[in-house]
Amino acid sequence: MERGSQSDREWLEIRAAVTRDPARPLESERLELEGPRDDEVLVRIVAVGVCHTDIGMYQHWSPTDQPAVLGHEGAGVVEKAGKNVSRLKVGDHVVLSFASCGHCAQCQSGRPWLCQHFLDLNFGFRRLDGSNALHRSRVRGHFFGQSSFATYSVATEQNAVKVPSDLELAMLGPLGCGFQTGAGTVMNTLAVQRGTSIAIFGTGAVGLAAVMAARIVGADPVIGVDINPMRLKLAVELGATHVIDSQETDVAQAVSRITGIGIDYAVETTGSDLLGTLAVDLLNTGGAAGFLTPGPRPAASADGRRAINVTEGSSAPQVFIPRLIELYRQGQFPFDRLIKLYEFADINAAIADSMRGDTIKPVLQVSKV
């Protein structure tokens, strides 16, 4: 690091994939990152997952928007810790997850996904005080409190989760968002019970995490719905008892044949209005459907069927990510089967492969451990 002239802070030269215009490929640029403040850690990024939230932000970026660094499934090594940081130290391996303030009533009650400042911290591209660690480069950072499409990132104790150093760090980043969201929707938000029926609409990375979680909690049947034969085949291998190709089969009729009635739970990951309505229509009395994408939802019905907007799988990262890692060690949550590694320089190829459905969960290798 070099000593900066502004406020006598330290600065680090990094490389990052900068979003400037959706008509242009992402390009690696040399930027200056402000060193960690007293409540922050500096993390050298080893790998970062590519999530559809990143892709959606990139695709809908306007050339008039200020440039920014995306990336919110980072995994890396703590290089420096601020003086007020107590749970992390230099050398710790960490997974970076969504940001929360740690101080509001929801955070204090163990529900950081409901943080009073969630939108500002995760989509505001700045700290709560309005500052930005990339301001000297005239680029915005702090996406999900990390902006980890970069060689280095600053984060806080709230969204940096210490993980065991004996596991392959390059594989762990997607636990911070996609896998946590899919599994958490089943285990936390819906609290699916053993012997109940569930349908997962969309068997991408998030949907397949939900399939694995449904198998873990003992749901039966577990129905995967998709249009991609490769993903449907993998869904069966990971725990789905039945799969439905919605391009070839009437989903409602197929569900009726499988269950004899409807379903107790649904997880909707596709963002399709048609499938969203169907997910609720297929619910049994008192059933619940979790929606993982933004948009209007079907209203709750008089017979107790519910449509629930899900944020990060209702997960407290410091608790839930270690739980998923333990399930992985036990062979019950083999999320590594969903991952394909790419070099950081190949970020545009990784995005294209994900959009085509050729890769379920791309992960960019940024540096060595």
Protein backbone atom coordinates (compact mmCIF):
# COMPACT_ATOMS: atom_id res chain seq x y z
CA MET A 1 0.00 0.00 0.00
CA GLU A 2 1.00 3.58 -0.51
CA ARG A 3 0.15 6.37 1.89
CA GLY A 4 -2.60 8.48 0.36
CA SER A 5 -2.67 12.24 0.46
CA GLN A 6 -6.41 12.46 1.20
CA SER A 7 -7.21 12.21 4.93
CA ASP A 8 -3.86 10.47 5.35
CA ARG A 9 -5.37 7.14 4.33
CA GLU A 10 -3.72 4.17 2.68
CA TRP A 11 -4.46 3.18 -0.89
CA LEU A 12 -3.94 -0.02 -2.82
CA GLU A 13 -3.60 -0.45 -6.55
CA ILE A 14 -5.99 -3.18 -7.68
CA ARG A 15 -7.42 -4.61 -10.88
CA ALA A 16 -11.17 -4.87 -11.32
CA ALA A 17 -13.79 -5.62 -13.96
CA VAL A 18 -15.61 -2.31 -14.36
CA THR A 19 -19.20 -1.97 -15.56
CA ARG A 20 -19.52 1.06 -17.83
CA ASP A 21 -21.86 0.15 -20.69
CA PRO A 22 -23.86 -3.06 -21.37
CA ALA A 23 -22.96 -2.74 -25.04
CA ARG A 24 -19.29 -3.19 -24.15
CA PRO A 25 -17.61 -6.26 -22.66
CA LEU A 26 -16.34 -5.91 -19.12
CA GLU A 27 -12.70 -4.90 -19.14
CA SER A 28 -10.07 -5.22 -16.45
CA GLU A 29 -8.97 -1.79 -15.26
CA ARG A 30 -6.36 -0.56 -12.82
CA LEU A 31 -8.02 1.24 -9.89
CA GLU A 32 -7.12 2.68 -6.50
CA LEU A 33 -8.85 1.19 -3.46
CA GLU A 34 -8.92 2.92 -0.10
CA GLY A 35 -7.58 0.71 2.69
CA PRO A 36 -9.90 -0.65 5.38
CA ARG A 37 -11.39 1.67 7.94
CA ASP A 38 -11.47 0.76 11.63
CA ASP A 39 -14.51 -1.53 11.24
CA GLU A 40 -13.45 -3.08 7.91
CA VAL A 41 -11.16 -5.77 6.56
CA LEU A 42 -9.14 -5.82 3.38
CA VAL A 43 -9.64 -9.11 1.55
CA ARG A 44 -7.47 -10.44 -1.24
CA ILE A 45 -9.98 -12.09 -3.53
CA VAL A 46 -9.08 -15.66 -4.49
CA ALA A 47 -12.29 -16.41 -6.38
CA VAL A 48 -15.73 -14.92 -6.97
CA GLY A 49 -18.95 -16.45 -8.25
CA VAL A 50 -20.94 -14.94 -11.09
CA CYS A 51 -24.57 -14.54 -10.02
CA HIS A 52 -27.58 -13.64 -12.17
CA THR A 53 -27.96 -10.54 -10.01
CA ASP A 54 -24.57 -9.39 -11.32
CA ILE A 55 -25.62 -10.20 -14.87
CA GLY A 56 -28.95 -8.42 -14.50
CA MET A 57 -27.27 -5.29 -13.14
CA TYR A 58 -24.75 -5.33 -15.98
CA GLN A 59 -27.40 -5.85 -18.68
CA HIS A 60 -29.57 -2.99 -17.40
CA TRP A 61 -26.72 -0.55 -16.80
CA SER A 62 -27.08 2.78 -18.53
CA PRO A 63 -24.10 4.51 -20.15
CA THR A 64 -25.19 7.55 -18.12
CA ASP A 65 -24.74 5.64 -14.85
CA GLN A 66 -21.51 6.15 -12.97
CA PRO A 67 -19.12 3.21 -13.58
CA ALA A 68 -19.05 0.57 -10.86
CA VAL A 69 -17.51 -2.74 -9.83
CA LEU A 70 -20.00 -5.57 -9.35
CA GLY A 71 -19.41 -9.02 -7.83
CA HIS A 72 -20.96 -10.26 -4.59
CA GLU A 73 -19.90 -13.89 -4.10
CA GLY A 74 -16.30 -13.29 -3.15
CA ALA A 75 -13.97 -15.62 -1.28
CA GLY A 76 -10.50 -14.72 -0.17
CA VAL A 77 -7.92 -14.11 2.54
CA VAL A 78 -7.89 -11.27 5.07
CA GLU A 79 -4.84 -9.10 4.39
CA LYS A 80 -5.53 -6.33 6.89
CA ALA A 81 -8.07 -5.73 9.67
CA GLY A 82 -9.20 -2.44 11.17
CA LYS A 83 -8.58 -1.82 14.87
CA ASN A 84 -12.24 -2.35 15.79
CA VAL A 85 -12.49 -5.73 14.08
CA SER A 86 -12.64 -8.52 16.66
CA ARG A 87 -13.81 -11.71 14.94
CA LEU A 88 -11.32 -11.76 12.07
CA LYS A 89 -7.56 -11.56 11.79
CA VAL A 90 -4.94 -11.41 9.07
CA GLY A 91 -4.65 -14.76 7.27
CA ASP A 92 -8.23 -15.88 7.89
CA HIS A 93 -10.07 -17.42 4.94
CA VAL A 94 -13.44 -15.75 4.42
CA VAL A 95 -16.56 -15.91 2.29
CA LEU A 96 -18.16 -12.55 1.54
CA SER A 97 -21.94 -12.32 1.75
CA PHE A 98 -24.59 -9.59 1.71
CA ALA A 99 -24.04 -6.47 3.80
CA SER A 100 -25.97 -5.47 6.92
CA CYS A 101 -25.42 -2.72 9.46
CA GLY A 102 -25.26 -4.91 12.58
CA HIS A 103 -26.87 -2.20 14.69
CA CYS A 104 -30.56 -1.86 13.77
CA ALA A 105 -33.29 -3.77 15.61
CA GLN A 106 -33.51 -6.46 12.92
CA CYS A 107 -29.76 -7.07 12.89
CA GLN A 108 -29.67 -7.15 16.69
CA SER A 109 -32.44 -9.76 16.68
CA GLY A 110 -30.44 -12.04 14.36
CA ARG A 111 -32.28 -11.19 11.14
CA PRO A 112 -29.71 -9.31 9.03
CA TRP A 113 -31.60 -10.07 5.80
CA LEU A 114 -34.22 -7.62 7.09
CA CYS A 115 -31.64 -4.95 7.95
CA GLN A 116 -33.12 -1.47 8.01
CA HIS A 117 -30.33 -0.37 5.66
CA PHE A 118 -30.34 -3.43 3.35
CA LEU A 119 -31.01 -1.56 0.10
CA ASP A 120 -28.51 1.21 0.80
CA LEU A 121 -25.76 -1.18 1.86
CA ASN A 122 -26.20 -3.68 -0.96
CA PHE A 123 -27.37 -1.59 -3.90
CA GLY A 124 -26.27 1.92 -2.94
CA PHE A 125 -22.65 1.52 -4.13
CA ARG A 126 -21.35 3.32 -1.05
CA ARG A 127 -20.93 3.08 2.70
CA LEU A 128 -23.77 4.34 4.88
CA ASP A 129 -21.92 7.61 5.43
CA GLY A 130 -21.93 8.16 1.66
CA SER A 131 -18.23 7.46 1.14
CA ASN A 132 -16.79 5.13 -1.49
CA ALA A 133 -13.48 3.27 -1.25
CA LEU A 134 -12.94 3.60 -5.03
CA HIS A 135 -13.63 7.33 -5.24
CA ARG A 136 -10.12 8.27 -6.37
CA SER A 137 -10.73 6.20 -9.52
CA ARG A 138 -14.17 7.77 -10.07
CA VAL A 139 -15.71 4.31 -9.92
CA ARG A 140 -18.30 3.11 -7.44
CA GLY A 141 -17.74 0.10 -5.19
CA HIS A 142 -19.40 -1.56 -2.19
CA PHE A 143 -21.85 -3.63 -4.27
CA PHE A 144 -23.34 -5.96 -1.63
CA GLY A 145 -20.74 -4.46 0.67
CA GLN A 146 -17.86 -5.96 -1.33
CA SER A 147 -17.60 -5.36 -5.13
CA SER A 148 -15.56 -8.52 -5.50
CA PHE A 149 -15.04 -8.59 -9.28
CA ALA A 150 -11.62 -7.37 -8.26
CA THR A 151 -8.27 -8.48 -6.91
CA TYR A 152 -9.00 -6.84 -3.53
CA SER A 153 -12.13 -5.82 -1.68
CA VAL A 154 -13.08 -4.11 1.56
CA ALA A 155 -15.82 -5.65 3.69
CA THR A 156 -16.99 -5.66 7.30
CA GLU A 157 -17.32 -8.29 10.01
CA GLN A 158 -21.03 -8.43 9.22
CA ASN A 159 -20.54 -9.84 5.71
CA ALA A 160 -17.13 -11.54 5.96
CA VAL A 161 -17.62 -15.08 7.27
CA LYS A 162 -14.60 -17.04 8.46
CA VAL A 163 -14.39 -20.48 6.82
CA PRO A 164 -12.09 -23.47 7.38
CA SER A 165 -8.71 -23.13 5.72
CA ASP A 166 -8.57 -26.80 4.69
CA LEU A 167 -11.35 -26.38 2.11
CA GLU A 168 -10.73 -25.21 -1.44
CA LEU A 169 -11.42 -21.50 -1.16
CA ALA A 170 -12.15 -21.13 -4.88
CA MET A 171 -15.29 -23.24 -4.43
CA LEU A 172 -16.79 -21.41 -1.46
CA GLY A 173 -17.75 -17.97 -2.82
CA PRO A 174 -21.26 -18.90 -4.08
CA LEU A 175 -22.20 -19.84 -0.51
CA GLY A 176 -22.35 -16.09 0.12
CA CYS A 177 -25.41 -15.57 -2.06
CA GLY A 178 -26.74 -18.08 -4.61
CA PHE A 179 -26.39 -21.33 -2.68
CA GLN A 180 -27.31 -19.66 0.61
CA THR A 181 -30.44 -18.20 -0.99
CA GLY A 182 -31.63 -21.46 -2.54
CA ALA A 183 -30.99 -23.63 0.49
CA GLY A 184 -32.16 -20.97 2.92
CA THR A 185 -35.49 -20.55 1.14
CA VAL A 186 -36.25 -24.20 1.85
CA MET A 187 -34.71 -24.47 5.31
CA ASN A 188 -35.34 -21.01 6.75
CA THR A 189 -38.02 -19.04 4.90
CA LEU A 190 -40.44 -21.87 4.15
CA ALA A 191 -39.19 -24.20 6.90
CA VAL A 192 -40.18 -27.20 4.77
CA GLN A 193 -41.14 -30.23 6.85
CA ARG A 194 -40.29 -33.89 6.33
CA GLY A 195 -42.80 -35.70 4.13
CA THR A 196 -44.27 -32.57 2.56
CA SER A 197 -44.28 -31.95 -1.19
CA ILE A 198 -42.31 -29.21 -2.92
CA ALA A 199 -41.77 -28.00 -6.48
CA ILE A 200 -38.74 -25.94 -7.47
CA PHE A 201 -39.33 -23.82 -10.58
CA GLY A 202 -35.97 -23.31 -12.26
CA THR A 203 -33.06 -25.65 -11.62
CA GLY A 204 -30.14 -23.31 -12.04
CA ALA A 205 -27.65 -22.71 -9.23
CA VAL A 206 -30.22 -21.33 -6.78
CA GLY A 207 -32.87 -23.90 -7.70
CA LEU A 208 -30.48 -26.84 -7.40
CA ALA A 209 -29.37 -25.59 -3.98
CA ALA A 210 -33.07 -25.66 -3.08
CA VAL A 211 -33.36 -29.21 -4.44
CA MET A 212 -30.46 -30.37 -2.27
CA ALA A 213 -31.92 -28.64 0.77
CA ALA A 214 -35.34 -30.22 0.14
CA ARG A 215 -33.74 -33.64 0.10
CA ILE A 216 -31.83 -32.86 3.31
CA VAL A 217 -34.98 -31.89 5.21
CA GLY A 218 -36.82 -34.98 3.93
CA ALA A 219 -39.40 -33.42 1.60
CA ASP A 220 -41.18 -35.94 -0.63
CA PRO A 221 -41.87 -35.61 -3.46
CA VAL A 222 -39.27 -33.08 -4.61
CA ILE A 223 -40.20 -31.86 -8.10
CA GLY A 224 -37.81 -29.93 -10.35
CA VAL A 225 -39.26 -27.84 -13.19
CA ASP A 226 -37.08 -26.50 -16.00
CA ILE A 227 -36.59 -26.46 -19.78
CA ASN A 228 -32.93 -27.53 -19.74
CA PRO A 229 -32.51 -31.34 -19.92
CA MET A 230 -28.97 -31.16 -18.51
CA ARG A 231 -30.16 -29.32 -15.43
CA LEU A 232 -33.14 -31.63 -14.96
CA LYS A 233 -30.84 -34.65 -15.11
CA LEU A 234 -28.59 -33.09 -12.47
CA ALA A 235 -31.63 -32.27 -10.34
CA VAL A 236 -32.45 -35.97 -10.16
CA GLU A 237 -28.88 -36.80 -9.20
CA LEU A 238 -28.97 -34.18 -6.42
CA GLY A 239 -32.26 -35.20 -4.85
CA ALA A 240 -35.29 -34.49 -7.02
CA THR A 241 -37.72 -37.41 -7.01
CA HIS A 242 -39.42 -36.14 -10.18
CA VAL A 243 -38.63 -33.60 -12.91
CA ILE A 244 -40.86 -31.81 -15.41
CA ASP A 245 -39.75 -30.27 -18.70
CA SER A 246 -42.18 -27.35 -18.86
CA GLN A 247 -41.66 -26.97 -22.62
CA GLU A 248 -42.78 -30.53 -23.26
CA THR A 249 -45.31 -31.16 -20.48
CA ASP A 250 -48.27 -29.42 -18.87
CA VAL A 251 -46.87 -28.66 -15.42
CA ALA A 252 -50.20 -28.62 -13.59
CA GLN A 253 -51.25 -31.98 -14.99
CA ALA A 254 -47.85 -33.48 -14.24
CA VAL A 255 -47.91 -32.25 -10.63
CA SER A 256 -51.41 -33.68 -10.20
CA ARG A 257 -50.22 -37.07 -11.46
CA ILE A 258 -47.25 -37.02 -9.09
CA THR A 259 -48.96 -35.85 -5.90
CA GLY A 260 -52.61 -36.71 -6.49
CA ILE A 261 -53.48 -33.15 -5.51
CA GLY A 262 -51.20 -30.08 -5.39
CA ILE A 263 -48.00 -29.17 -3.59
CA ASP A 264 -47.33 -27.95 -0.06
CA TYR A 265 -44.44 -25.67 -1.00
CA ALA A 266 -42.99 -24.02 -4.09
CA VAL A 267 -39.76 -22.19 -4.81
CA GLU A 268 -39.91 -19.87 -7.84
CA THR A 269 -36.50 -18.81 -9.18
CA THR A 270 -37.22 -17.98 -12.84
CA GLY A 271 -38.92 -14.60 -12.64
CA SER A 272 -41.60 -15.82 -15.05
CA ASP A 273 -45.02 -14.28 -14.35
CA LEU A 274 -46.67 -17.41 -15.77
CA LEU A 275 -44.73 -19.79 -13.54
CA GLY A 276 -45.15 -17.49 -10.55
CA THR A 277 -48.91 -17.60 -10.88
CA LEU A 278 -48.79 -21.36 -11.43
CA ALA A 279 -46.62 -21.87 -8.34
CA VAL A 280 -49.33 -20.34 -6.15
CA ASP A 281 -52.21 -21.95 -8.04
CA LEU A 282 -50.72 -25.40 -7.44
CA LEU A 283 -50.40 -24.93 -3.68
CA ASN A 284 -52.50 -27.00 -1.33
CA THR A 285 -54.54 -25.23 1.33
CA GLY A 286 -52.18 -23.46 3.72
CA GLY A 287 -49.22 -23.89 1.35
CA ALA A 288 -46.48 -21.34 0.73
CA ALA A 289 -44.47 -20.27 -2.31
CA GLY A 290 -41.15 -18.48 -2.00
CA PHE A 291 -40.28 -15.99 -4.76
CA LEU A 292 -36.60 -15.23 -5.31
CA THR A 293 -36.82 -12.56 -7.99
CA PRO A 294 -38.26 -9.01 -7.87
CA GLY A 295 -41.71 -8.27 -9.19
CA PRO A 296 -45.43 -8.30 -8.37
CA ARG A 297 -46.68 -11.41 -6.58
CA PRO A 298 -50.02 -13.21 -6.63
CA ALA A 299 -52.10 -12.17 -3.65
CA ALA A 300 -52.56 -14.53 -0.72
CA SER A 301 -55.74 -16.57 -1.06
CA ALA A 302 -58.62 -17.04 1.33
CA ASP A 303 -57.59 -20.63 2.02
CA GLY A 304 -54.25 -19.62 3.49
CA ARG A 305 -52.00 -20.06 0.46
CA ARG A 306 -49.14 -17.57 0.69
CA ALA A 307 -46.72 -15.90 -1.71
CA ILE A 308 -43.53 -14.83 0.10
CA ASN A 309 -40.80 -12.54 -1.19
CA VAL A 310 -37.49 -14.10 -0.15
CA THR A 311 -34.33 -12.13 0.64
CA GLU A 312 -31.08 -14.13 0.82
CA GLY A 313 -32.95 -17.22 1.99
CA SER A 314 -33.75 -15.53 5.32
CA SER A 315 -30.17 -16.38 6.27
CA ALA A 316 -27.80 -15.01 8.88
CA PRO A 317 -24.51 -15.62 7.00
CA GLN A 318 -22.39 -16.04 10.13
CA VAL A 319 -24.65 -18.93 11.15
CA PHE A 320 -25.97 -20.42 7.93
CA ILE A 321 -22.81 -20.54 5.81
CA PRO A 322 -20.95 -22.67 8.41
CA ARG A 323 -24.02 -24.93 8.53
CA LEU A 324 -23.92 -25.41 4.75
CA ILE A 325 -20.19 -26.13 4.91
CA GLU A 326 -20.80 -28.82 7.52
CA LEU A 327 -23.51 -30.37 5.33
CA TYR A 328 -21.01 -30.29 2.45
CA ARG A 329 -18.41 -32.10 4.55
CA GLN A 330 -21.03 -34.75 5.33
CA GLY A 331 -21.69 -35.25 1.62
CA GLN A 332 -25.26 -33.94 1.89
CA PHE A 333 -24.80 -30.61 0.10
CA PRO A 334 -22.40 -31.24 -2.82
CA PHE A 335 -22.52 -27.73 -4.22
CA ASP A 336 -19.15 -28.20 -5.89
CA ARG A 337 -20.91 -30.23 -8.60
CA LEU A 338 -22.57 -27.03 -9.84
CA ILE A 339 -19.36 -25.03 -10.26
CA LYS A 340 -17.17 -24.45 -13.30
CA LEU A 341 -13.96 -22.46 -12.82
CA TYR A 342 -12.84 -19.69 -15.18
CA GLU A 343 -9.84 -17.42 -15.16
CA PHE A 344 -10.64 -13.87 -14.07
CA ALA A 345 -9.69 -12.62 -17.53
CA ASP A 346 -12.47 -14.79 -18.99
CA ILE A 347 -15.28 -13.04 -17.09
CA ASN A 348 -17.19 -12.22 -20.28
CA ALA A 349 -17.10 -15.85 -21.41
CA ALA A 350 -18.32 -16.93 -17.98
CA ILE A 351 -21.25 -14.51 -18.19
CA ALA A 352 -22.13 -15.68 -21.70
CA ASP A 353 -21.99 -19.35 -20.69
CA SER A 354 -24.23 -18.67 -17.71
CA MET A 355 -26.77 -16.77 -19.81
CA ARG A 356 -26.93 -19.62 -22.35
CA GLY A 357 -27.36 -22.16 -19.58
CA ASP A 358 -24.15 -23.98 -20.48
CA THR A 359 -22.69 -23.38 -17.02
CA ILE A 360 -24.74 -23.56 -13.85
CA LYS A 361 -22.44 -21.58 -11.54
CA PRO A 362 -19.38 -19.87 -13.05
CA VAL A 363 -16.64 -19.03 -10.57
CA LEU A 364 -13.75 -16.73 -11.51
CA GLN A 365 -10.28 -17.61 -10.22
CA VAL A 366 -8.68 -14.31 -9.31
CA SER A 367 -5.53 -15.29 -7.40
CA LYS A 368 -3.80 -18.18 -5.67
CA VAL A 369 -4.39 -18.93 -2.01
